[in-house]
Amino acid sequence: MVTLRYHGHSCWELDNGLRRILIDPFLTGNPLAKTGPDSFKKLDAIFVTHGHGDHIGDAVAISKKTGALIVSNFEISNYVTAQGCQAHPMHLGGGRMFPFGHIKLTIAHHGSSGPKGEYLGNPCGVVVTMDGKKIYHAGDTALFLDMKLIGEVNGPLDVALLPIGDNFTMGIDDAVIAAELLNARLTIPMHYNTFPPIQTDPNEFVTRVEARGKKARVAGIGEAVEVE
């Protein structure tokens, strides 16, 4: 069994009781987060989908404190290594088995730059396989038809985590289509209500996904979602 815990925006914690990873640890400056970077004492890895500050977030600070390996694209891996972190570089379409599970990078249509405008490679999504459970984190992205391939090639997916906030990513209309293309057993919205430009109603998303015969739910901040 894998436990997902939502920390707001696009930050998710995955824990199988033995191994623990974070995705996009934007905690400092995240008005929705109920936990901070100092809350993580034991952590195996941190995955970063792209270089924007609301995704790379506290990755460097948490990695230095816990010794967690940062897994990301080649450019972000070099960027955090230069800051004293341990990192493993990957890139789009690549997969690798780690002690905590299998990671595969998928495409995402967005941008990726550092706080000073540094080029930090292509944005990505990720399929994490842990204890046989497959969790797809879309990162920041627009809708794209190849989401159908992501679901078919990497699936069946147990959970799809999709941005719905609009303005910078898909909005609800497109995210509902994405949920149908991916065909995961459960879809959970993310990347909404953190800032005024991405205010939206996640319950509307859930209602519309379920109207298409798919299962969806909202995860509260700090709430654990069991994937069995």
C-alpha atoms as a PDB file:
ATOM      1  CA  MET A   1       0.000   0.000   0.000  1.00  0.00           C
ATOM      2  CA  VAL A   2       1.153   3.532  -0.803  1.00  0.00           C
ATOM      3  CA  THR A   3      -0.006   6.612   1.081  1.00  0.00           C
ATOM      4  CA  LEU A   4      -0.264   9.911  -0.769  1.00  0.00           C
ATOM      5  CA  ARG A   5      -0.311  13.107   1.250  1.00  0.00           C
ATOM      6  CA  TYR A   6      -1.133  16.467  -0.322  1.00  0.00           C
ATOM      7  CA  HIS A   7       0.789  19.528   0.879  1.00  0.00           C
ATOM      8  CA  GLY A   8      -0.916  22.049  -1.383  1.00  0.00           C
ATOM      9  CA  HIS A   9      -0.192  23.406  -4.853  1.00  0.00           C
ATOM     10  CA  SER A  10       1.640  20.526  -6.609  1.00  0.00           C
ATOM     11  CA  CYS A  11       3.506  19.101  -3.620  1.00  0.00           C
ATOM     12  CA  TRP A  12       2.849  15.430  -2.852  1.00  0.00           C
ATOM     13  CA  GLU A  13       4.431  13.005  -0.432  1.00  0.00           C
ATOM     14  CA  LEU A  14       4.502   9.295  -1.295  1.00  0.00           C
ATOM     15  CA  ASP A  15       5.157   6.793   1.494  1.00  0.00           C
ATOM     16  CA  ASN A  16       4.986   2.993   1.521  1.00  0.00           C
ATOM     17  CA  GLY A  17       5.999   2.617   5.150  1.00  0.00           C
ATOM     18  CA  LEU A  18       9.647   1.980   4.297  1.00  0.00           C
ATOM     19  CA  ARG A  19      10.434   4.585   1.654  1.00  0.00           C
ATOM     20  CA  ARG A  20       9.327   8.182   1.360  1.00  0.00           C
ATOM     21  CA  ILE A  21       9.615  10.693  -1.479  1.00  0.00           C
ATOM     22  CA  LEU A  22       8.416  14.219  -2.191  1.00  0.00           C
ATOM     23  CA  ILE A  23       7.344  15.704  -5.499  1.00  0.00           C
ATOM     24  CA  ASP A  24       7.643  19.461  -6.142  1.00  0.00           C
ATOM     25  CA  PRO A  25       8.256  20.531  -2.506  1.00  0.00           C
ATOM     26  CA  PHE A  26       6.972  24.112  -2.613  1.00  0.00           C
ATOM     27  CA  LEU A  27       6.346  24.713   1.095  1.00  0.00           C
ATOM     28  CA  THR A  28       8.057  27.982   2.046  1.00  0.00           C
ATOM     29  CA  GLY A  29       5.868  30.732   0.606  1.00  0.00           C
ATOM     30  CA  ASN A  30       3.004  28.352  -0.082  1.00  0.00           C
ATOM     31  CA  PRO A  31       0.010  29.858   1.748  1.00  0.00           C
ATOM     32  CA  LEU A  32      -1.848  26.529   1.694  1.00  0.00           C
ATOM     33  CA  ALA A  33       0.892  24.336   3.157  1.00  0.00           C
ATOM     34  CA  LYS A  34       0.425  23.165   6.735  1.00  0.00           C
ATOM     35  CA  THR A  35       3.931  21.790   6.987  1.00  0.00           C
ATOM     36  CA  GLY A  36       7.371  23.224   6.333  1.00  0.00           C
ATOM     37  CA  PRO A  37      10.707  21.945   5.067  1.00  0.00           C
ATOM     38  CA  ASP A  38      11.922  21.209   8.614  1.00  0.00           C
ATOM     39  CA  SER A  39       9.133  18.648   9.049  1.00  0.00           C
ATOM     40  CA  PHE A  40      10.997  16.092   6.937  1.00  0.00           C
ATOM     41  CA  LYS A  41      13.620  14.232   8.951  1.00  0.00           C
ATOM     42  CA  LYS A  42      13.854  11.052   6.886  1.00  0.00           C
ATOM     43  CA  LEU A  43      13.389  11.194   3.149  1.00  0.00           C
ATOM     44  CA  ASP A  44      14.698   9.025   0.320  1.00  0.00           C
ATOM     45  CA  ALA A  45      14.224  11.255  -2.691  1.00  0.00           C
ATOM     46  CA  ILE A  46      12.757  14.459  -4.075  1.00  0.00           C
ATOM     47  CA  PHE A  47      11.393  14.647  -7.612  1.00  0.00           C
ATOM     48  CA  VAL A  48      11.223  18.044  -9.340  1.00  0.00           C
ATOM     49  CA  THR A  49       9.056  18.409 -12.443  1.00  0.00           C
ATOM     50  CA  HIS A  50      10.504  21.746 -13.596  1.00  0.00           C
ATOM     51  CA  GLY A  51      12.526  24.738 -12.489  1.00  0.00           C
ATOM     52  CA  HIS A  52       9.858  27.286 -11.542  1.00  0.00           C
ATOM     53  CA  GLY A  53      10.080  28.426  -7.936  1.00  0.00           C
ATOM     54  CA  ASP A  54       6.661  27.075  -6.994  1.00  0.00           C
ATOM     55  CA  HIS A  55       7.874  23.565  -7.893  1.00  0.00           C
ATOM     56  CA  ILE A  56      11.592  23.322  -7.165  1.00  0.00           C
ATOM     57  CA  GLY A  57      10.653  25.163  -3.972  1.00  0.00           C
ATOM     58  CA  ASP A  58      12.520  23.832  -0.933  1.00  0.00           C
ATOM     59  CA  ALA A  59      14.164  20.939  -2.769  1.00  0.00           C
ATOM     60  CA  VAL A  60      17.730  22.083  -2.119  1.00  0.00           C
ATOM     61  CA  ALA A  61      17.161  22.872   1.562  1.00  0.00           C
ATOM     62  CA  ILE A  62      15.349  19.599   2.244  1.00  0.00           C
ATOM     63  CA  SER A  63      17.917  17.564   0.314  1.00  0.00           C
ATOM     64  CA  LYS A  64      20.806  19.078   2.270  1.00  0.00           C
ATOM     65  CA  LYS A  65      19.028  18.464   5.573  1.00  0.00           C
ATOM     66  CA  THR A  66      17.924  14.890   4.916  1.00  0.00           C
ATOM     67  CA  GLY A  67      20.419  13.645   2.346  1.00  0.00           C
ATOM     68  CA  ALA A  68      17.537  12.925  -0.036  1.00  0.00           C
ATOM     69  CA  LEU A  69      18.489  12.311  -3.641  1.00  0.00           C
ATOM     70  CA  ILE A  70      17.046  14.870  -6.059  1.00  0.00           C
ATOM     71  CA  VAL A  71      15.774  13.236  -9.251  1.00  0.00           C
ATOM     72  CA  SER A  72      14.957  15.492 -12.167  1.00  0.00           C
ATOM     73  CA  ASN A  73      15.967  16.380 -15.697  1.00  0.00           C
ATOM     74  CA  PHE A  74      19.646  16.734 -16.570  1.00  0.00           C
ATOM     75  CA  GLU A  75      19.707  20.522 -16.282  1.00  0.00           C
ATOM     76  CA  ILE A  76      17.973  20.729 -12.894  1.00  0.00           C
ATOM     77  CA  SER A  77      20.181  17.913 -11.607  1.00  0.00           C
ATOM     78  CA  ASN A  78      23.284  19.911 -12.543  1.00  0.00           C
ATOM     79  CA  TYR A  79      21.748  23.039 -11.000  1.00  0.00           C
ATOM     80  CA  VAL A  80      21.147  21.422  -7.600  1.00  0.00           C
ATOM     81  CA  THR A  81      24.448  19.502  -7.652  1.00  0.00           C
ATOM     82  CA  ALA A  82      26.238  22.842  -7.957  1.00  0.00           C
ATOM     83  CA  GLN A  83      24.458  23.833  -4.737  1.00  0.00           C
ATOM     84  CA  GLY A  84      25.789  20.821  -2.840  1.00  0.00           C
ATOM     85  CA  CYS A  85      22.976  18.295  -3.320  1.00  0.00           C
ATOM     86  CA  GLN A  86      23.112  14.714  -4.511  1.00  0.00           C
ATOM     87  CA  ALA A  87      21.154  14.314  -7.726  1.00  0.00           C
ATOM     88  CA  HIS A  88      20.359  11.756 -10.400  1.00  0.00           C
ATOM     89  CA  PRO A  89      19.831  13.190 -13.904  1.00  0.00           C
ATOM     90  CA  MET A  90      17.154  11.814 -16.216  1.00  0.00           C
ATOM     91  CA  HIS A  91      15.216  13.093 -19.199  1.00  0.00           C
ATOM     92  CA  LEU A  92      11.986  12.766 -21.129  1.00  0.00           C
ATOM     93  CA  GLY A  93      10.975   9.197 -21.893  1.00  0.00           C
ATOM     94  CA  GLY A  94      13.645   7.761 -19.629  1.00  0.00           C
ATOM     95  CA  GLY A  95      12.908   5.385 -16.761  1.00  0.00           C
ATOM     96  CA  ARG A  96      15.004   4.023 -13.906  1.00  0.00           C
ATOM     97  CA  MET A  97      14.581   1.758 -10.919  1.00  0.00           C
ATOM     98  CA  PHE A  98      15.626   3.224  -7.563  1.00  0.00           C
ATOM     99  CA  PRO A  99      15.493   1.661  -4.079  1.00  0.00           C
ATOM    100  CA  PHE A 100      12.241   3.540  -3.455  1.00  0.00           C
ATOM    101  CA  GLY A 101      10.583   2.557  -6.747  1.00  0.00           C
ATOM    102  CA  HIS A 102      10.585   3.149 -10.483  1.00  0.00           C
ATOM    103  CA  ILE A 103      10.595   6.621 -12.035  1.00  0.00           C
ATOM    104  CA  LYS A 104       9.672   7.452 -15.626  1.00  0.00           C
ATOM    105  CA  LEU A 105       9.667  10.953 -17.047  1.00  0.00           C
ATOM    106  CA  THR A 106       6.861  11.992 -19.364  1.00  0.00           C
ATOM    107  CA  ILE A 107       6.391  15.075 -21.491  1.00  0.00           C
ATOM    108  CA  ALA A 108       4.637  18.181 -20.188  1.00  0.00           C
ATOM    109  CA  HIS A 109       3.840  21.347 -22.112  1.00  0.00           C
ATOM    110  CA  HIS A 110       4.976  24.279 -19.991  1.00  0.00           C
ATOM    111  CA  GLY A 111       8.215  26.191 -19.264  1.00  0.00           C
ATOM    112  CA  SER A 112      11.218  25.609 -17.005  1.00  0.00           C
ATOM    113  CA  SER A 113      13.561  28.293 -15.754  1.00  0.00           C
ATOM    114  CA  GLY A 114      15.296  29.093 -12.484  1.00  0.00           C
ATOM    115  CA  PRO A 115      14.835  32.066 -10.139  1.00  0.00           C
ATOM    116  CA  LYS A 116      17.321  34.166 -12.114  1.00  0.00           C
ATOM    117  CA  GLY A 117      16.081  33.036 -15.496  1.00  0.00           C
ATOM    118  CA  GLU A 118      18.502  30.110 -15.712  1.00  0.00           C
ATOM    119  CA  TYR A 119      17.732  27.565 -18.413  1.00  0.00           C
ATOM    120  CA  LEU A 120      16.645  24.429 -16.581  1.00  0.00           C
ATOM    121  CA  GLY A 121      15.697  22.127 -19.414  1.00  0.00           C
ATOM    122  CA  ASN A 122      12.311  20.779 -20.417  1.00  0.00           C
ATOM    123  CA  PRO A 123       9.414  20.495 -17.978  1.00  0.00           C
ATOM    124  CA  CYS A 124       8.126  17.004 -17.348  1.00  0.00           C
ATOM    125  CA  GLY A 125       5.556  14.846 -15.664  1.00  0.00           C
ATOM    126  CA  VAL A 126       6.415  11.627 -13.879  1.00  0.00           C
ATOM    127  CA  VAL A 127       5.031   8.141 -13.374  1.00  0.00           C
ATOM    128  CA  VAL A 128       6.138   6.755 -10.007  1.00  0.00           C
ATOM    129  CA  THR A 129       5.735   3.033  -9.440  1.00  0.00           C
ATOM    130  CA  MET A 130       5.967   2.123  -5.765  1.00  0.00           C
ATOM    131  CA  ASP A 131       4.888  -1.221  -4.314  1.00  0.00           C
ATOM    132  CA  GLY A 132       3.257  -1.987  -7.648  1.00  0.00           C
ATOM    133  CA  LYS A 133       1.099   1.159  -7.533  1.00  0.00           C
ATOM    134  CA  LYS A 134       1.419   3.597 -10.417  1.00  0.00           C
ATOM    135  CA  ILE A 135       0.978   7.291  -9.666  1.00  0.00           C
ATOM    136  CA  TYR A 136       1.132   9.852 -12.477  1.00  0.00           C
ATOM    137  CA  HIS A 137       1.984  13.440 -11.513  1.00  0.00           C
ATOM    138  CA  ALA A 138       1.402  15.620 -14.569  1.00  0.00           C
ATOM    139  CA  GLY A 139       3.497  18.568 -13.392  1.00  0.00           C
ATOM    140  CA  ASP A 140       2.441  21.883 -14.871  1.00  0.00           C
ATOM    141  CA  THR A 141       1.013  21.228 -18.295  1.00  0.00           C
ATOM    142  CA  ALA A 142      -1.511  21.996 -20.964  1.00  0.00           C
ATOM    143  CA  LEU A 143      -3.788  19.265 -22.253  1.00  0.00           C
ATOM    144  CA  PHE A 144      -2.154  17.082 -24.911  1.00  0.00           C
ATOM    145  CA  LEU A 145      -3.460  14.072 -26.777  1.00  0.00           C
ATOM    146  CA  ASP A 146      -0.483  11.885 -25.858  1.00  0.00           C
ATOM    147  CA  MET A 147      -1.885  11.661 -22.332  1.00  0.00           C
ATOM    148  CA  LYS A 148      -3.771   8.730 -23.818  1.00  0.00           C
ATOM    149  CA  LEU A 149      -0.419   7.071 -24.572  1.00  0.00           C
ATOM    150  CA  ILE A 150       0.850   7.811 -21.067  1.00  0.00           C
ATOM    151  CA  GLY A 151      -2.129   5.925 -19.671  1.00  0.00           C
ATOM    152  CA  GLU A 152      -1.783   3.050 -22.112  1.00  0.00           C
ATOM    153  CA  VAL A 153       1.999   2.586 -22.128  1.00  0.00           C
ATOM    154  CA  ASN A 154       2.545   3.110 -18.392  1.00  0.00           C
ATOM    155  CA  GLY A 155      -0.823   1.919 -17.171  1.00  0.00           C
ATOM    156  CA  PRO A 156      -3.103   0.941 -15.919  1.00  0.00           C
ATOM    157  CA  LEU A 157      -2.558   3.978 -13.712  1.00  0.00           C
ATOM    158  CA  ASP A 158      -3.797   3.814 -10.139  1.00  0.00           C
ATOM    159  CA  VAL A 159      -3.810   7.592  -9.570  1.00  0.00           C
ATOM    160  CA  ALA A 160      -3.519  10.655 -11.817  1.00  0.00           C
ATOM    161  CA  LEU A 161      -2.662  13.990 -10.190  1.00  0.00           C
ATOM    162  CA  LEU A 162      -3.732  16.796 -12.528  1.00  0.00           C
ATOM    163  CA  PRO A 163      -3.441  20.598 -12.425  1.00  0.00           C
ATOM    164  CA  ILE A 164      -6.795  22.354 -12.771  1.00  0.00           C
ATOM    165  CA  GLY A 165      -6.085  25.993 -11.874  1.00  0.00           C
ATOM    166  CA  ASP A 166      -6.092  27.410 -15.419  1.00  0.00           C
ATOM    167  CA  ASN A 167      -4.076  30.522 -16.409  1.00  0.00           C
ATOM    168  CA  PHE A 168      -0.678  28.755 -16.129  1.00  0.00           C
ATOM    169  CA  THR A 169      -1.871  25.172 -16.745  1.00  0.00           C
ATOM    170  CA  MET A 170      -4.964  23.278 -17.810  1.00  0.00           C
ATOM    171  CA  GLY A 171      -8.225  24.535 -16.417  1.00  0.00           C
ATOM    172  CA  ILE A 172     -11.116  22.321 -15.423  1.00  0.00           C
ATOM    173  CA  ASP A 173     -12.475  21.906 -18.970  1.00  0.00           C
ATOM    174  CA  ASP A 174      -9.210  20.498 -20.292  1.00  0.00           C
ATOM    175  CA  ALA A 175      -8.338  18.586 -17.131  1.00  0.00           C
ATOM    176  CA  VAL A 176     -11.625  16.651 -17.368  1.00  0.00           C
ATOM    177  CA  ILE A 177     -10.601  15.542 -20.865  1.00  0.00           C
ATOM    178  CA  ALA A 178      -7.132  14.658 -19.528  1.00  0.00           C
ATOM    179  CA  ALA A 179      -8.680  12.450 -16.860  1.00  0.00           C
ATOM    180  CA  GLU A 180     -10.622  10.594 -19.513  1.00  0.00           C
ATOM    181  CA  LEU A 181      -7.550  10.119 -21.721  1.00  0.00           C
ATOM    182  CA  LEU A 182      -5.402   8.823 -18.862  1.00  0.00           C
ATOM    183  CA  ASN A 183      -8.108   6.488 -17.563  1.00  0.00           C
ATOM    184  CA  ALA A 184      -6.620   6.185 -14.069  1.00  0.00           C
ATOM    185  CA  ARG A 185      -8.515   4.362 -11.334  1.00  0.00           C
ATOM    186  CA  LEU A 186      -8.592   7.641  -9.381  1.00  0.00           C
ATOM    187  CA  THR A 187      -7.969  11.248 -10.386  1.00  0.00           C
ATOM    188  CA  ILE A 188      -7.127  13.997  -7.881  1.00  0.00           C
ATOM    189  CA  PRO A 189      -6.857  17.708  -8.739  1.00  0.00           C
ATOM    190  CA  MET A 190      -3.908  19.913  -7.766  1.00  0.00           C
ATOM    191  CA  HIS A 191      -2.314  23.295  -8.597  1.00  0.00           C
ATOM    192  CA  TYR A 192      -5.320  25.422  -7.688  1.00  0.00           C
ATOM    193  CA  ASN A 193      -6.317  28.130  -5.165  1.00  0.00           C
ATOM    194  CA  THR A 194      -2.712  28.871  -4.122  1.00  0.00           C
ATOM    195  CA  PHE A 195      -2.769  32.317  -5.717  1.00  0.00           C
ATOM    196  CA  PRO A 196      -5.589  34.491  -7.128  1.00  0.00           C
ATOM    197  CA  PRO A 197      -4.905  33.681 -10.815  1.00  0.00           C
ATOM    198  CA  ILE A 198      -5.523  29.972 -10.204  1.00  0.00           C
ATOM    199  CA  GLN A 199      -8.638  30.132  -8.045  1.00  0.00           C
ATOM    200  CA  THR A 200     -11.156  27.466  -9.016  1.00  0.00           C
ATOM    201  CA  ASP A 201     -13.538  24.914  -7.515  1.00  0.00           C
ATOM    202  CA  PRO A 202     -12.040  21.409  -7.275  1.00  0.00           C
ATOM    203  CA  ASN A 203     -15.448  19.948  -6.470  1.00  0.00           C
ATOM    204  CA  GLU A 204     -16.689  21.017  -9.893  1.00  0.00           C
ATOM    205  CA  PHE A 205     -13.805  19.074 -11.423  1.00  0.00           C
ATOM    206  CA  VAL A 206     -14.669  15.967  -9.408  1.00  0.00           C
ATOM    207  CA  THR A 207     -18.353  16.178 -10.344  1.00  0.00           C
ATOM    208  CA  ARG A 208     -17.562  16.513 -14.039  1.00  0.00           C
ATOM    209  CA  VAL A 209     -15.029  13.670 -14.059  1.00  0.00           C
ATOM    210  CA  GLU A 210     -17.478  11.377 -12.269  1.00  0.00           C
ATOM    211  CA  ALA A 211     -20.191  12.318 -14.776  1.00  0.00           C
ATOM    212  CA  ARG A 212     -17.971  10.654 -17.383  1.00  0.00           C
ATOM    213  CA  GLY A 213     -17.860   7.444 -15.397  1.00  0.00           C
ATOM    214  CA  LYS A 214     -14.438   7.971 -13.795  1.00  0.00           C
ATOM    215  CA  LYS A 215     -13.576   8.107 -10.109  1.00  0.00           C
ATOM    216  CA  ALA A 216     -12.233  11.378  -8.687  1.00  0.00           C
ATOM    217  CA  ARG A 217     -11.883  13.071  -5.330  1.00  0.00           C
ATOM    218  CA  VAL A 218     -10.467  16.178  -3.675  1.00  0.00           C
ATOM    219  CA  ALA A 219      -7.556  15.707  -1.270  1.00  0.00           C
ATOM    220  CA  GLY A 220      -7.493  18.128   1.635  1.00  0.00           C
ATOM    221  CA  ILE A 221      -4.241  19.784   2.653  1.00  0.00           C
ATOM    222  CA  GLY A 222      -2.304  17.313   4.783  1.00  0.00           C
ATOM    223  CA  GLU A 223      -4.838  14.554   4.110  1.00  0.00           C
ATOM    224  CA  ALA A 224      -3.633  11.002   3.523  1.00  0.00           C
ATOM    225  CA  VAL A 225      -5.025   9.098   0.547  1.00  0.00           C
ATOM    226  CA  GLU A 226      -4.449   5.338   0.677  1.00  0.00           C
ATOM    227  CA  VAL A 227      -3.713   3.639  -2.642  1.00  0.00           C
ATOM    228  CA  GLU A 228      -4.491  -0.047  -2.218  1.00  0.00           C
END
